C-alpha atoms as a PDB file:
ATOM      1  CA  UNK A   1      12.349  -8.194  -0.397  1.00  0.00           C
ATOM      2  CA  UNK A   2       8.807  -7.991   0.920  1.00  0.00           C
ATOM      3  CA  UNK A   3       5.619  -7.474  -1.045  1.00  0.00           C
ATOM      4  CA  UNK A   4       2.893  -5.799   0.979  1.00  0.00           C
ATOM      5  CA  UNK A   5      -0.723  -5.035   0.147  1.00  0.00           C
ATOM      6  CA  UNK A   6      -2.237  -2.133   2.080  1.00  0.00           C
ATOM      7  CA  UNK A   7      -5.738  -0.724   2.118  1.00  0.00           C
ATOM      8  CA  UNK A   8      -6.393   2.450   4.068  1.00  0.00           C
ATOM      9  CA  UNK A   9     -10.044   3.331   4.636  1.00  0.00           C
ATOM     10  CA  UNK A  10     -11.064   6.636   6.224  1.00  0.00           C
ATOM     11  CA  UNK A  11     -14.269   6.490   8.268  1.00  0.00           C
ATOM     12  CA  UNK A  12     -16.446   9.245   9.650  1.00  0.00           C
ATOM     13  CA  UNK A  13     -15.864  11.570   6.721  1.00  0.00           C
ATOM     14  CA  UNK A  14     -19.492  12.201   5.774  1.00  0.00           C
ATOM     15  CA  UNK A  15     -18.771  11.071   2.188  1.00  0.00           C
ATOM     16  CA  UNK A  16     -18.656   7.668   0.481  1.00  0.00           C
ATOM     17  CA  UNK A  17     -15.834   8.666  -1.879  1.00  0.00           C
ATOM     18  CA  UNK A  18     -12.268   7.932  -0.735  1.00  0.00           C
ATOM     19  CA  UNK A  19     -10.249   8.853  -3.841  1.00  0.00           C
ATOM     20  CA  UNK A  20      -9.010  12.162  -2.423  1.00  0.00           C
ATOM     21  CA  UNK A  21      -7.598  10.293   0.588  1.00  0.00           C
ATOM     22  CA  UNK A  22      -6.003   7.646  -1.631  1.00  0.00           C
ATOM     23  CA  UNK A  23      -4.401  10.352  -3.775  1.00  0.00           C
ATOM     24  CA  UNK A  24      -2.868  12.032  -0.702  1.00  0.00           C
ATOM     25  CA  UNK A  25      -1.559   8.687   0.543  1.00  0.00           C
ATOM     26  CA  UNK A  26       0.049   8.054  -2.841  1.00  0.00           C
ATOM     27  CA  UNK A  27       1.898  11.355  -2.623  1.00  0.00           C
ATOM     28  CA  UNK A  28       3.751   9.824   0.341  1.00  0.00           C
ATOM     29  CA  UNK A  29       4.694   6.858  -1.876  1.00  0.00           C
ATOM     30  CA  UNK A  30       5.871   9.129  -4.691  1.00  0.00           C
ATOM     31  CA  UNK A  31       8.445  10.642  -2.332  1.00  0.00           C
ATOM     32  CA  UNK A  32      10.016   7.241  -1.605  1.00  0.00           C
ATOM     33  CA  UNK A  33      13.065   6.208  -3.606  1.00  0.00           C
ATOM     34  CA  UNK A  34      13.700   2.758  -2.092  1.00  0.00           C
ATOM     35  CA  UNK A  35      10.327   1.131  -2.735  1.00  0.00           C
ATOM     36  CA  UNK A  36       8.159   0.296  -5.717  1.00  0.00           C
ATOM     37  CA  UNK A  37       4.390   0.425  -5.635  1.00  0.00           C
ATOM     38  CA  UNK A  38       1.332  -0.301  -7.739  1.00  0.00           C
ATOM     39  CA  UNK A  39      -2.106   1.205  -7.251  1.00  0.00           C
ATOM     40  CA  UNK A  40      -4.925  -1.324  -7.688  1.00  0.00           C
ATOM     41  CA  UNK A  41      -8.695  -0.785  -7.573  1.00  0.00           C
ATOM     42  CA  UNK A  42      -8.895  -2.195  -4.035  1.00  0.00           C
ATOM     43  CA  UNK A  43      -5.579  -1.229  -2.455  1.00  0.00           C
ATOM     44  CA  UNK A  44      -1.897  -0.625  -3.090  1.00  0.00           C
ATOM     45  CA  UNK A  45       0.920  -3.140  -3.490  1.00  0.00           C
ATOM     46  CA  UNK A  46       4.305  -2.020  -2.165  1.00  0.00           C
ATOM     47  CA  UNK A  47       7.613  -3.803  -2.790  1.00  0.00           C
ATOM     48  CA  UNK A  48      10.868  -3.263  -0.903  1.00  0.00           C
ATOM     49  CA  UNK A  49      12.509  -3.536   2.496  1.00  0.00           C
ATOM     50  CA  UNK A  50       9.855  -4.508   5.059  1.00  0.00           C
ATOM     51  CA  UNK A  51      11.005  -2.042   7.713  1.00  0.00           C
ATOM     52  CA  UNK A  52      10.890   0.833   5.213  1.00  0.00           C
ATOM     53  CA  UNK A  53       7.461  -0.250   3.930  1.00  0.00           C
ATOM     54  CA  UNK A  54       6.036  -0.347   7.457  1.00  0.00           C
ATOM     55  CA  UNK A  55       7.386   3.165   8.124  1.00  0.00           C
ATOM     56  CA  UNK A  56       5.730   4.429   4.951  1.00  0.00           C
ATOM     57  CA  UNK A  57       2.433   2.718   5.779  1.00  0.00           C
ATOM     58  CA  UNK A  58       2.489   4.424   9.182  1.00  0.00           C
ATOM     59  CA  UNK A  59       2.840   7.793   7.428  1.00  0.00           C
ATOM     60  CA  UNK A  60       0.028   6.916   5.020  1.00  0.00           C
ATOM     61  CA  UNK A  61      -2.229   5.825   7.895  1.00  0.00           C
ATOM     62  CA  UNK A  62      -2.036   9.350   9.342  1.00  0.00           C
ATOM     63  CA  UNK A  63      -3.051  11.113   6.117  1.00  0.00           C
ATOM     64  CA  UNK A  64      -6.852  10.679   6.464  1.00  0.00           C
ATOM     65  CA  UNK A  65      -6.733  11.979  10.045  1.00  0.00           C
ATOM     66  CA  UNK A  66      -5.024  15.098   8.727  1.00  0.00           C
ATOM     67  CA  UNK A  67      -7.894  15.507   6.272  1.00  0.00           C
ATOM     68  CA  UNK A  68     -10.578  15.304   8.949  1.00  0.00           C
ATOM     69  CA  UNK A  69     -11.376  11.578   9.142  1.00  0.00           C
ATOM     70  CA  UNK A  70     -12.538  10.574  12.606  1.00  0.00           C
ATOM     71  CA  UNK A  71     -11.431   6.955  12.231  1.00  0.00           C
ATOM     72  CA  UNK A  72      -9.057   5.070   9.915  1.00  0.00           C
ATOM     73  CA  UNK A  73      -9.008   1.345   9.219  1.00  0.00           C
ATOM     74  CA  UNK A  74      -5.750   0.076   7.709  1.00  0.00           C
ATOM     75  CA  UNK A  75      -5.421  -3.503   6.486  1.00  0.00           C
ATOM     76  CA  UNK A  76      -1.977  -4.921   5.732  1.00  0.00           C
ATOM     77  CA  UNK A  77      -1.091  -8.221   4.039  1.00  0.00           C
ATOM     78  CA  UNK A  78       2.628  -9.135   3.992  1.00  0.00           C
ATOM     79  CA  UNK A  79       4.383 -11.633   1.704  1.00  0.00           C
ATOM     80  CA  UNK A  80       7.956 -11.846   3.017  1.00  0.00           C
ATOM     81  CA  UNK A  81       9.604 -14.652   1.065  1.00  0.00           C
ATOM     82  CA  UNK A  82      13.206 -15.388   2.028  1.00  0.00           C
ATOM     83  CA  UNK A  83      14.041 -18.569   0.126  1.00  0.00           C
ATOM     84  CA  UNK A  84      14.374 -16.724  -3.201  1.00  0.00           C
ATOM     85  CA  UNK A  85      13.969 -13.271  -4.710  1.00  0.00           C
ATOM     86  CA  UNK A  86      10.387 -12.226  -5.290  1.00  0.00           C
ATOM     87  CA  UNK A  87       8.771  -9.233  -6.964  1.00  0.00           C
ATOM     88  CA  UNK A  88       5.333  -7.971  -7.928  1.00  0.00           C
ATOM     89  CA  UNK A  89       6.105  -8.566 -11.580  1.00  0.00           C
ATOM     90  CA  UNK A  90       7.525 -12.037 -10.919  1.00  0.00           C
ATOM     91  CA  UNK A  91       4.417 -13.133  -9.044  1.00  0.00           C
ATOM     92  CA  UNK A  92       2.179 -12.022 -11.912  1.00  0.00           C
ATOM     93  CA  UNK A  93       4.395 -13.642 -14.547  1.00  0.00           C
ATOM     94  CA  UNK A  94       4.395 -16.913 -12.614  1.00  0.00           C
ATOM     95  CA  UNK A  95       0.603 -17.108 -12.848  1.00  0.00           C
ATOM     96  CA  UNK A  96       0.483 -15.913 -16.451  1.00  0.00           C
ATOM     97  CA  UNK A  97       2.966 -18.606 -17.495  1.00  0.00           C
ATOM     98  CA  UNK A  98       0.619 -21.224 -16.091  1.00  0.00           C
ATOM     99  CA  UNK A  99      -2.443 -19.965 -17.945  1.00  0.00           C
END
């Protein structure tokens, strides 16, 4: 299972606020049954099958264009661990147990 961090930034909107774009992107995530996600202040963490996640990110990338953005910058960070099961919660617990 992959854990992916994505940040989608609309540019050329004439406004410094991006929350309405983030909210629309999260509606795409809410429709997904096979992935888990967590909104953070600086992006979104998505957990699940990598191919499915990349398909969903592609859909999310298009959202700001549909709302009038002239340019969209999407940053993706992928943690695809295959030697053992990994999860968002497990990664956080691993650090917390060491504190």
